[in-house]
């Protein structure tokens, strides 16, 4: 059940990016979450900071649509946490060829019955 719930939350995150909806991203993130970006290893700390970054990203024209595709989710048997590993793509809106691709890992935590992202790290492995 937890793996299905995490996959559903990832699908919500992907939908929010596709729709350019930064407000829909906020409830998917832990308050003190951390993201390390794929190319320049910028550290974006905290839910508020990440939502601001997404708002700026969504304002670009044309914008890049990022999609994360989970390949594996490992649930901890001792803590309410899980690790998601997968691949990501960034495609410029209105095109079909990836601008960039890579791998990622995300640490999830179940807080009061909802899975939220505590940490994500991205690595860029391919560029168009």
C-alpha atoms as a PDB file:
ATOM      1  CA  UNK A   1       0.000   0.000   0.000  1.00  0.00           C
ATOM      2  CA  UNK A   2       2.781   2.465   0.836  1.00  0.00           C
ATOM      3  CA  UNK A   3       4.559   1.960  -2.489  1.00  0.00           C
ATOM      4  CA  UNK A   4       1.303   2.668  -4.304  1.00  0.00           C
ATOM      5  CA  UNK A   5       0.788   5.785  -2.183  1.00  0.00           C
ATOM      6  CA  UNK A   6       4.296   7.071  -2.970  1.00  0.00           C
ATOM      7  CA  UNK A   7       3.829   6.397  -6.689  1.00  0.00           C
ATOM      8  CA  UNK A   8       0.538   8.296  -6.522  1.00  0.00           C
ATOM      9  CA  UNK A   9       2.237  11.250  -4.808  1.00  0.00           C
ATOM     10  CA  UNK A  10       4.979  11.242  -7.464  1.00  0.00           C
ATOM     11  CA  UNK A  11       2.278  11.279 -10.152  1.00  0.00           C
ATOM     12  CA  UNK A  12       0.723  14.311  -8.416  1.00  0.00           C
ATOM     13  CA  UNK A  13       4.114  16.048  -8.413  1.00  0.00           C
ATOM     14  CA  UNK A  14       4.582  15.308 -12.128  1.00  0.00           C
ATOM     15  CA  UNK A  15       1.063  16.618 -12.852  1.00  0.00           C
ATOM     16  CA  UNK A  16       1.760  19.812 -10.869  1.00  0.00           C
ATOM     17  CA  UNK A  17       4.912  20.430 -12.931  1.00  0.00           C
ATOM     18  CA  UNK A  18       3.078  19.746 -16.209  1.00  0.00           C
ATOM     19  CA  UNK A  19       0.296  22.127 -15.141  1.00  0.00           C
ATOM     20  CA  UNK A  20       2.695  24.791 -13.817  1.00  0.00           C
ATOM     21  CA  UNK A  21       0.966  24.613 -10.413  1.00  0.00           C
ATOM     22  CA  UNK A  22       3.466  25.496  -7.679  1.00  0.00           C
ATOM     23  CA  UNK A  23       0.741  25.503  -5.009  1.00  0.00           C
ATOM     24  CA  UNK A  24       0.065  21.812  -5.702  1.00  0.00           C
ATOM     25  CA  UNK A  25       3.734  21.012  -5.066  1.00  0.00           C
ATOM     26  CA  UNK A  26       3.841  22.450  -1.536  1.00  0.00           C
ATOM     27  CA  UNK A  27       1.869  19.677   0.226  1.00  0.00           C
ATOM     28  CA  UNK A  28       4.127  17.041  -1.329  1.00  0.00           C
ATOM     29  CA  UNK A  29       7.207  18.457   0.400  1.00  0.00           C
ATOM     30  CA  UNK A  30       8.329  18.243   4.023  1.00  0.00           C
ATOM     31  CA  UNK A  31       8.768  21.647   5.668  1.00  0.00           C
ATOM     32  CA  UNK A  32      12.564  21.235   5.842  1.00  0.00           C
ATOM     33  CA  UNK A  33      13.057  19.339   2.573  1.00  0.00           C
ATOM     34  CA  UNK A  34      16.267  19.594   0.569  1.00  0.00           C
ATOM     35  CA  UNK A  35      16.788  19.327  -3.185  1.00  0.00           C
ATOM     36  CA  UNK A  36      20.169  19.137  -4.941  1.00  0.00           C
ATOM     37  CA  UNK A  37      19.809  20.005  -8.620  1.00  0.00           C
ATOM     38  CA  UNK A  38      21.160  17.928 -11.485  1.00  0.00           C
ATOM     39  CA  UNK A  39      23.738  20.031 -13.304  1.00  0.00           C
ATOM     40  CA  UNK A  40      25.096  22.655 -10.939  1.00  0.00           C
ATOM     41  CA  UNK A  41      24.371  20.878  -7.620  1.00  0.00           C
ATOM     42  CA  UNK A  42      22.553  23.912  -6.264  1.00  0.00           C
ATOM     43  CA  UNK A  43      21.037  23.205  -2.847  1.00  0.00           C
ATOM     44  CA  UNK A  44      17.457  24.375  -2.386  1.00  0.00           C
ATOM     45  CA  UNK A  45      16.502  24.022   1.264  1.00  0.00           C
ATOM     46  CA  UNK A  46      12.973  24.188   2.626  1.00  0.00           C
ATOM     47  CA  UNK A  47       9.468  23.932   1.219  1.00  0.00           C
ATOM     48  CA  UNK A  48       9.067  27.705   0.852  1.00  0.00           C
ATOM     49  CA  UNK A  49      12.320  28.017  -1.117  1.00  0.00           C
ATOM     50  CA  UNK A  50      11.415  25.134  -3.409  1.00  0.00           C
ATOM     51  CA  UNK A  51       7.974  26.526  -4.172  1.00  0.00           C
ATOM     52  CA  UNK A  52       9.603  29.882  -5.045  1.00  0.00           C
ATOM     53  CA  UNK A  53      12.019  28.118  -7.408  1.00  0.00           C
ATOM     54  CA  UNK A  54       9.144  26.274  -9.084  1.00  0.00           C
ATOM     55  CA  UNK A  55       7.194  29.535  -9.508  1.00  0.00           C
ATOM     56  CA  UNK A  56      10.211  31.081 -11.243  1.00  0.00           C
ATOM     57  CA  UNK A  57      10.651  27.955 -13.378  1.00  0.00           C
ATOM     58  CA  UNK A  58       6.978  28.034 -14.413  1.00  0.00           C
ATOM     59  CA  UNK A  59       7.285  31.695 -15.479  1.00  0.00           C
ATOM     60  CA  UNK A  60       9.823  30.893 -18.225  1.00  0.00           C
ATOM     61  CA  UNK A  61       8.581  30.832 -21.817  1.00  0.00           C
ATOM     62  CA  UNK A  62       8.864  28.289 -23.209  1.00  0.00           C
ATOM     63  CA  UNK A  63       9.227  26.342 -20.012  1.00  0.00           C
ATOM     64  CA  UNK A  64      10.746  22.941 -19.388  1.00  0.00           C
ATOM     65  CA  UNK A  65       8.444  20.143 -18.258  1.00  0.00           C
ATOM     66  CA  UNK A  66      10.237  17.771 -15.907  1.00  0.00           C
ATOM     67  CA  UNK A  67       8.969  14.231 -15.402  1.00  0.00           C
ATOM     68  CA  UNK A  68      10.254  11.809 -12.793  1.00  0.00           C
ATOM     69  CA  UNK A  69       9.731   8.106 -13.463  1.00  0.00           C
ATOM     70  CA  UNK A  70      10.245   5.858 -10.433  1.00  0.00           C
ATOM     71  CA  UNK A  71      12.087   2.614 -11.170  1.00  0.00           C
ATOM     72  CA  UNK A  72      12.278   1.356  -7.590  1.00  0.00           C
ATOM     73  CA  UNK A  73      10.801   2.243  -4.203  1.00  0.00           C
ATOM     74  CA  UNK A  74      12.339   0.677  -1.109  1.00  0.00           C
ATOM     75  CA  UNK A  75      10.248   0.885   2.066  1.00  0.00           C
ATOM     76  CA  UNK A  76      11.992   0.815   5.418  1.00  0.00           C
ATOM     77  CA  UNK A  77      10.806  -1.969   7.716  1.00  0.00           C
ATOM     78  CA  UNK A  78      11.875   0.016  10.820  1.00  0.00           C
ATOM     79  CA  UNK A  79      10.947   3.655  10.125  1.00  0.00           C
ATOM     80  CA  UNK A  80       8.119   5.402   8.227  1.00  0.00           C
ATOM     81  CA  UNK A  81      10.492   6.253   5.369  1.00  0.00           C
ATOM     82  CA  UNK A  82      11.160   5.101   1.832  1.00  0.00           C
ATOM     83  CA  UNK A  83      13.737   5.630  -0.921  1.00  0.00           C
ATOM     84  CA  UNK A  84      12.590   6.198  -4.499  1.00  0.00           C
ATOM     85  CA  UNK A  85      15.091   5.840  -7.340  1.00  0.00           C
ATOM     86  CA  UNK A  86      14.405   6.533 -10.971  1.00  0.00           C
ATOM     87  CA  UNK A  87      15.013   8.543 -14.122  1.00  0.00           C
ATOM     88  CA  UNK A  88      14.001  12.097 -14.997  1.00  0.00           C
ATOM     89  CA  UNK A  89      13.560  13.977 -18.249  1.00  0.00           C
ATOM     90  CA  UNK A  90      13.226  17.656 -19.046  1.00  0.00           C
ATOM     91  CA  UNK A  91      11.375  18.463 -22.267  1.00  0.00           C
ATOM     92  CA  UNK A  92      10.838  22.001 -23.530  1.00  0.00           C
ATOM     93  CA  UNK A  93       7.120  22.693 -23.754  1.00  0.00           C
ATOM     94  CA  UNK A  94       5.811  22.129 -27.264  1.00  0.00           C
ATOM     95  CA  UNK A  95       8.646  19.788 -28.264  1.00  0.00           C
ATOM     96  CA  UNK A  96       9.190  16.056 -27.954  1.00  0.00           C
ATOM     97  CA  UNK A  97      12.962  15.741 -27.618  1.00  0.00           C
ATOM     98  CA  UNK A  98      14.498  15.836 -24.125  1.00  0.00           C
ATOM     99  CA  UNK A  99      16.541  18.910 -23.266  1.00  0.00           C
ATOM    100  CA  UNK A 100      18.192  16.952 -20.445  1.00  0.00           C
ATOM    101  CA  UNK A 101      17.878  13.570 -18.751  1.00  0.00           C
ATOM    102  CA  UNK A 102      19.254  11.872 -15.690  1.00  0.00           C
ATOM    103  CA  UNK A 103      18.780   9.836 -12.568  1.00  0.00           C
ATOM    104  CA  UNK A 104      17.405  10.798  -9.171  1.00  0.00           C
ATOM    105  CA  UNK A 105      16.838   9.540  -5.656  1.00  0.00           C
ATOM    106  CA  UNK A 106      14.155  10.806  -3.292  1.00  0.00           C
ATOM    107  CA  UNK A 107      13.705  10.119   0.412  1.00  0.00           C
ATOM    108  CA  UNK A 108      10.062  10.053   1.511  1.00  0.00           C
ATOM    109  CA  UNK A 109       8.618  10.143   5.043  1.00  0.00           C
ATOM    110  CA  UNK A 110       5.107   9.297   6.157  1.00  0.00           C
ATOM    111  CA  UNK A 111       3.929  12.186   8.318  1.00  0.00           C
ATOM    112  CA  UNK A 112       0.455  11.897   9.841  1.00  0.00           C
ATOM    113  CA  UNK A 113      -0.597   9.470   7.114  1.00  0.00           C
ATOM    114  CA  UNK A 114       0.751  11.438   4.133  1.00  0.00           C
ATOM    115  CA  UNK A 115       3.998  10.730   2.275  1.00  0.00           C
ATOM    116  CA  UNK A 116       6.171  13.834   1.815  1.00  0.00           C
ATOM    117  CA  UNK A 117       9.581  14.302   0.233  1.00  0.00           C
ATOM    118  CA  UNK A 118      12.391  15.051   2.679  1.00  0.00           C
ATOM    119  CA  UNK A 119      15.293  15.014   0.236  1.00  0.00           C
ATOM    120  CA  UNK A 120      15.946  14.696  -3.486  1.00  0.00           C
ATOM    121  CA  UNK A 121      19.170  14.561  -5.448  1.00  0.00           C
ATOM    122  CA  UNK A 122      19.364  14.759  -9.228  1.00  0.00           C
ATOM    123  CA  UNK A 123      22.212  13.910 -11.589  1.00  0.00           C
ATOM    124  CA  UNK A 124      22.207  15.064 -15.210  1.00  0.00           C
ATOM    125  CA  UNK A 125      23.452  12.221 -17.397  1.00  0.00           C
ATOM    126  CA  UNK A 126      22.351  13.382 -20.832  1.00  0.00           C
ATOM    127  CA  UNK A 127      21.693  16.621 -22.661  1.00  0.00           C
ATOM    128  CA  UNK A 128      20.350  17.328 -26.112  1.00  0.00           C
END
